[in-house]
Amino acid sequence: MSTAGTPPGGTTDEGAPGGGVYEWYRRGLDLLASGDPAAAATLLARAAEAEPGSRSVLEALARAQYDTGRYREAIDSFTELTAVNPTDDYAQFGLGMAASRAGQLDLAAEHLALAVAMRPDLGHYARALRGVRARRAAGPGPA
């Protein structure tokens, strides 16, 4: 069967989503906005494979990974974003939040502190940093 008849948002016989990278990206953002981060992550991973240099696709993928609880994957994606642009406060924040959720509190505190330093006007950055520092100071929980 040809892909010419593939409906918008459909898939080809080979399992690839219909459309191109931009369409996958837009649909991935729509899925994130509508509360389906798992489907968004699948579609955005495909877009990231096709366009590995796209910061927009990688950021959306990192958000979807975070929202699905795939924190280690989100750490990798946000790390890639910060490697390309260390002054991206959102990527630093995302990396810190994913590390926090993964229990990597030292890594979380480092990147949240960078985000706060870059954007001291964003209260949620500072609140997240305070929370991680408090958890770190409290030490490990009961075994």
C-alpha atoms as a PDB file:
ATOM      1  CA  MET A   1       0.000   0.000   0.000  1.00  0.00           C
ATOM      2  CA  SER A   2       1.343   3.435  -0.859  1.00  0.00           C
ATOM      3  CA  THR A   3       1.757   6.189   1.731  1.00  0.00           C
ATOM      4  CA  ALA A   4      -0.073   8.598  -0.553  1.00  0.00           C
ATOM      5  CA  GLY A   5      -3.303   7.447   1.042  1.00  0.00           C
ATOM      6  CA  THR A   6      -2.021   7.745   4.585  1.00  0.00           C
ATOM      7  CA  PRO A   7      -4.362   9.993   6.545  1.00  0.00           C
ATOM      8  CA  PRO A   8      -2.908  12.988   8.388  1.00  0.00           C
ATOM      9  CA  GLY A   9      -1.629  11.722  11.706  1.00  0.00           C
ATOM     10  CA  GLY A  10      -1.708   8.147  10.409  1.00  0.00           C
ATOM     11  CA  THR A  11       1.166   5.766   9.949  1.00  0.00           C
ATOM     12  CA  THR A  12       2.682   4.074   6.949  1.00  0.00           C
ATOM     13  CA  ASP A  13       2.806   0.312   6.522  1.00  0.00           C
ATOM     14  CA  GLU A  14       6.332   0.380   7.922  1.00  0.00           C
ATOM     15  CA  GLY A  15       5.051   1.941  11.175  1.00  0.00           C
ATOM     16  CA  ALA A  16       6.534   5.370  10.518  1.00  0.00           C
ATOM     17  CA  PRO A  17       4.193   8.277  11.221  1.00  0.00           C
ATOM     18  CA  GLY A  18       2.834  10.105   8.206  1.00  0.00           C
ATOM     19  CA  GLY A  19       4.220  13.520   7.316  1.00  0.00           C
ATOM     20  CA  GLY A  20       7.659  14.954   7.861  1.00  0.00           C
ATOM     21  CA  VAL A  21       9.733  16.056  10.805  1.00  0.00           C
ATOM     22  CA  TYR A  22       7.930  19.363  11.226  1.00  0.00           C
ATOM     23  CA  GLU A  23       4.540  17.616  11.272  1.00  0.00           C
ATOM     24  CA  TRP A  24       5.852  15.098  13.841  1.00  0.00           C
ATOM     25  CA  TYR A  25       7.124  17.974  15.961  1.00  0.00           C
ATOM     26  CA  ARG A  26       3.813  19.858  15.790  1.00  0.00           C
ATOM     27  CA  ARG A  27       1.793  16.724  16.552  1.00  0.00           C
ATOM     28  CA  GLY A  28       4.175  15.930  19.426  1.00  0.00           C
ATOM     29  CA  LEU A  29       3.591  19.397  20.899  1.00  0.00           C
ATOM     30  CA  ASP A  30      -0.158  18.949  20.477  1.00  0.00           C
ATOM     31  CA  LEU A  31      -0.008  15.589  22.255  1.00  0.00           C
ATOM     32  CA  LEU A  32       1.988  17.146  25.106  1.00  0.00           C
ATOM     33  CA  ALA A  33      -0.541  19.963  25.415  1.00  0.00           C
ATOM     34  CA  SER A  34      -3.465  17.535  25.417  1.00  0.00           C
ATOM     35  CA  GLY A  35      -1.969  15.410  28.190  1.00  0.00           C
ATOM     36  CA  ASP A  36      -0.552  12.458  26.250  1.00  0.00           C
ATOM     37  CA  PRO A  37       3.197  12.701  26.914  1.00  0.00           C
ATOM     38  CA  ALA A  38       3.855   9.007  26.168  1.00  0.00           C
ATOM     39  CA  ALA A  39       2.546   9.317  22.614  1.00  0.00           C
ATOM     40  CA  ALA A  40       4.353  12.656  22.296  1.00  0.00           C
ATOM     41  CA  ALA A  41       7.641  11.073  23.401  1.00  0.00           C
ATOM     42  CA  THR A  42       7.310   8.331  20.787  1.00  0.00           C
ATOM     43  CA  LEU A  43       6.631  10.790  17.987  1.00  0.00           C
ATOM     44  CA  LEU A  44       9.254  13.300  19.144  1.00  0.00           C
ATOM     45  CA  ALA A  45      11.896  10.559  19.453  1.00  0.00           C
ATOM     46  CA  ARG A  46      11.276   9.777  15.785  1.00  0.00           C
ATOM     47  CA  ALA A  47      11.628  13.480  14.924  1.00  0.00           C
ATOM     48  CA  ALA A  48      14.837  13.750  16.978  1.00  0.00           C
ATOM     49  CA  GLU A  49      16.325  10.781  15.112  1.00  0.00           C
ATOM     50  CA  ALA A  50      15.509  12.428  11.794  1.00  0.00           C
ATOM     51  CA  GLU A  51      16.724  15.908  12.878  1.00  0.00           C
ATOM     52  CA  PRO A  52      19.380  15.339  15.557  1.00  0.00           C
ATOM     53  CA  GLY A  53      20.497  18.984  15.486  1.00  0.00           C
ATOM     54  CA  SER A  54      17.064  20.466  16.223  1.00  0.00           C
ATOM     55  CA  ARG A  55      17.070  22.070  19.663  1.00  0.00           C
ATOM     56  CA  SER A  56      13.302  22.626  19.518  1.00  0.00           C
ATOM     57  CA  VAL A  57      12.611  18.948  18.879  1.00  0.00           C
ATOM     58  CA  LEU A  58      15.073  17.863  21.575  1.00  0.00           C
ATOM     59  CA  GLU A  59      13.536  20.229  24.142  1.00  0.00           C
ATOM     60  CA  ALA A  60      10.045  18.947  23.384  1.00  0.00           C
ATOM     61  CA  LEU A  61      11.315  15.360  23.620  1.00  0.00           C
ATOM     62  CA  ALA A  62      12.972  16.083  26.976  1.00  0.00           C
ATOM     63  CA  ARG A  63       9.721  17.556  28.294  1.00  0.00           C
ATOM     64  CA  ALA A  64       7.767  14.508  27.102  1.00  0.00           C
ATOM     65  CA  GLN A  65      10.293  12.152  28.693  1.00  0.00           C
ATOM     66  CA  TYR A  66      10.039  14.067  31.961  1.00  0.00           C
ATOM     67  CA  ASP A  67       6.241  14.069  31.878  1.00  0.00           C
ATOM     68  CA  THR A  68       6.169  10.285  31.360  1.00  0.00           C
ATOM     69  CA  GLY A  69       8.505   9.680  34.305  1.00  0.00           C
ATOM     70  CA  ARG A  70      11.443   8.673  32.122  1.00  0.00           C
ATOM     71  CA  TYR A  71      13.759  10.881  34.159  1.00  0.00           C
ATOM     72  CA  ARG A  72      17.073   9.305  33.137  1.00  0.00           C
ATOM     73  CA  GLU A  73      16.202   9.788  29.470  1.00  0.00           C
ATOM     74  CA  ALA A  74      15.124  13.369  30.208  1.00  0.00           C
ATOM     75  CA  ILE A  75      18.466  13.947  31.957  1.00  0.00           C
ATOM     76  CA  ASP A  76      20.265  12.792  28.803  1.00  0.00           C
ATOM     77  CA  SER A  77      18.164  15.017  26.549  1.00  0.00           C
ATOM     78  CA  PHE A  78      18.447  18.103  28.771  1.00  0.00           C
ATOM     79  CA  THR A  79      22.200  17.443  29.140  1.00  0.00           C
ATOM     80  CA  GLU A  80      22.516  17.471  25.365  1.00  0.00           C
ATOM     81  CA  LEU A  81      20.668  20.801  25.246  1.00  0.00           C
ATOM     82  CA  THR A  82      22.912  22.365  27.907  1.00  0.00           C
ATOM     83  CA  ALA A  83      26.032  21.086  26.135  1.00  0.00           C
ATOM     84  CA  VAL A  84      25.017  22.951  22.987  1.00  0.00           C
ATOM     85  CA  ASN A  85      23.857  26.086  24.832  1.00  0.00           C
ATOM     86  CA  PRO A  86      24.999  26.348  28.471  1.00  0.00           C
ATOM     87  CA  THR A  87      23.086  29.624  28.887  1.00  0.00           C
ATOM     88  CA  ASP A  88      19.704  28.021  28.144  1.00  0.00           C
ATOM     89  CA  ASP A  89      18.072  28.564  31.536  1.00  0.00           C
ATOM     90  CA  TYR A  90      15.095  26.327  30.725  1.00  0.00           C
ATOM     91  CA  ALA A  91      17.371  23.416  29.780  1.00  0.00           C
ATOM     92  CA  GLN A  92      19.328  23.909  33.007  1.00  0.00           C
ATOM     93  CA  PHE A  93      16.048  23.959  34.957  1.00  0.00           C
ATOM     94  CA  GLY A  94      14.745  20.873  33.162  1.00  0.00           C
ATOM     95  CA  LEU A  95      17.990  19.021  33.804  1.00  0.00           C
ATOM     96  CA  GLY A  96      17.812  19.960  37.473  1.00  0.00           C
ATOM     97  CA  MET A  97      14.199  18.851  37.797  1.00  0.00           C
ATOM     98  CA  ALA A  98      14.790  15.536  36.011  1.00  0.00           C
ATOM     99  CA  ALA A  99      17.852  14.872  38.179  1.00  0.00           C
ATOM    100  CA  SER A 100      15.818  15.684  41.277  1.00  0.00           C
ATOM    101  CA  ARG A 101      13.116  13.201  40.294  1.00  0.00           C
ATOM    102  CA  ALA A 102      15.798  10.580  39.556  1.00  0.00           C
ATOM    103  CA  GLY A 103      17.247  11.095  43.047  1.00  0.00           C
ATOM    104  CA  GLN A 104      20.463  12.698  41.796  1.00  0.00           C
ATOM    105  CA  LEU A 105      20.296  15.624  44.206  1.00  0.00           C
ATOM    106  CA  ASP A 106      23.841  16.936  43.721  1.00  0.00           C
ATOM    107  CA  LEU A 107      23.344  17.122  39.958  1.00  0.00           C
ATOM    108  CA  ALA A 108      19.915  18.660  40.491  1.00  0.00           C
ATOM    109  CA  ALA A 109      21.217  21.360  42.843  1.00  0.00           C
ATOM    110  CA  GLU A 110      24.033  22.275  40.449  1.00  0.00           C
ATOM    111  CA  HIS A 111      21.770  22.818  37.456  1.00  0.00           C
ATOM    112  CA  LEU A 112      18.936  24.442  39.364  1.00  0.00           C
ATOM    113  CA  ALA A 113      21.458  26.892  40.848  1.00  0.00           C
ATOM    114  CA  LEU A 114      22.610  27.753  37.324  1.00  0.00           C
ATOM    115  CA  ALA A 115      19.004  28.293  36.223  1.00  0.00           C
ATOM    116  CA  VAL A 116      18.357  30.552  39.230  1.00  0.00           C
ATOM    117  CA  ALA A 117      21.537  32.526  38.548  1.00  0.00           C
ATOM    118  CA  MET A 118      20.437  33.080  34.956  1.00  0.00           C
ATOM    119  CA  ARG A 119      16.827  33.911  35.771  1.00  0.00           C
ATOM    120  CA  PRO A 120      16.499  35.111  39.372  1.00  0.00           C
ATOM    121  CA  ASP A 121      13.126  36.623  38.438  1.00  0.00           C
ATOM    122  CA  LEU A 122      11.523  33.189  38.048  1.00  0.00           C
ATOM    123  CA  GLY A 123      10.276  32.144  41.461  1.00  0.00           C
ATOM    124  CA  HIS A 124       9.606  28.531  40.523  1.00  0.00           C
ATOM    125  CA  TYR A 125      13.304  28.077  39.720  1.00  0.00           C
ATOM    126  CA  ALA A 126      14.279  29.299  43.200  1.00  0.00           C
ATOM    127  CA  ARG A 127      11.568  27.193  44.892  1.00  0.00           C
ATOM    128  CA  ALA A 128      12.792  24.062  43.114  1.00  0.00           C
ATOM    129  CA  LEU A 129      16.373  24.790  44.184  1.00  0.00           C
ATOM    130  CA  ARG A 130      15.339  25.330  47.810  1.00  0.00           C
ATOM    131  CA  GLY A 131      13.412  22.054  47.756  1.00  0.00           C
ATOM    132  CA  VAL A 132      16.377  20.085  46.401  1.00  0.00           C
ATOM    133  CA  ARG A 133      18.754  21.667  48.898  1.00  0.00           C
ATOM    134  CA  ALA A 134      16.377  20.796  51.740  1.00  0.00           C
ATOM    135  CA  ARG A 135      16.103  17.196  50.570  1.00  0.00           C
ATOM    136  CA  ARG A 136      19.874  16.976  50.266  1.00  0.00           C
ATOM    137  CA  ALA A 137      20.374  18.410  53.765  1.00  0.00           C
ATOM    138  CA  ALA A 138      17.846  15.967  55.229  1.00  0.00           C
ATOM    139  CA  GLY A 139      19.927  13.053  53.976  1.00  0.00           C
ATOM    140  CA  PRO A 140      18.698   9.716  52.751  1.00  0.00           C
ATOM    141  CA  GLY A 141      15.256   8.611  53.774  1.00  0.00           C
ATOM    142  CA  PRO A 142      14.440   5.406  55.624  1.00  0.00           C
ATOM    143  CA  ALA A 143      15.645   2.259  53.907  1.00  0.00           C
END
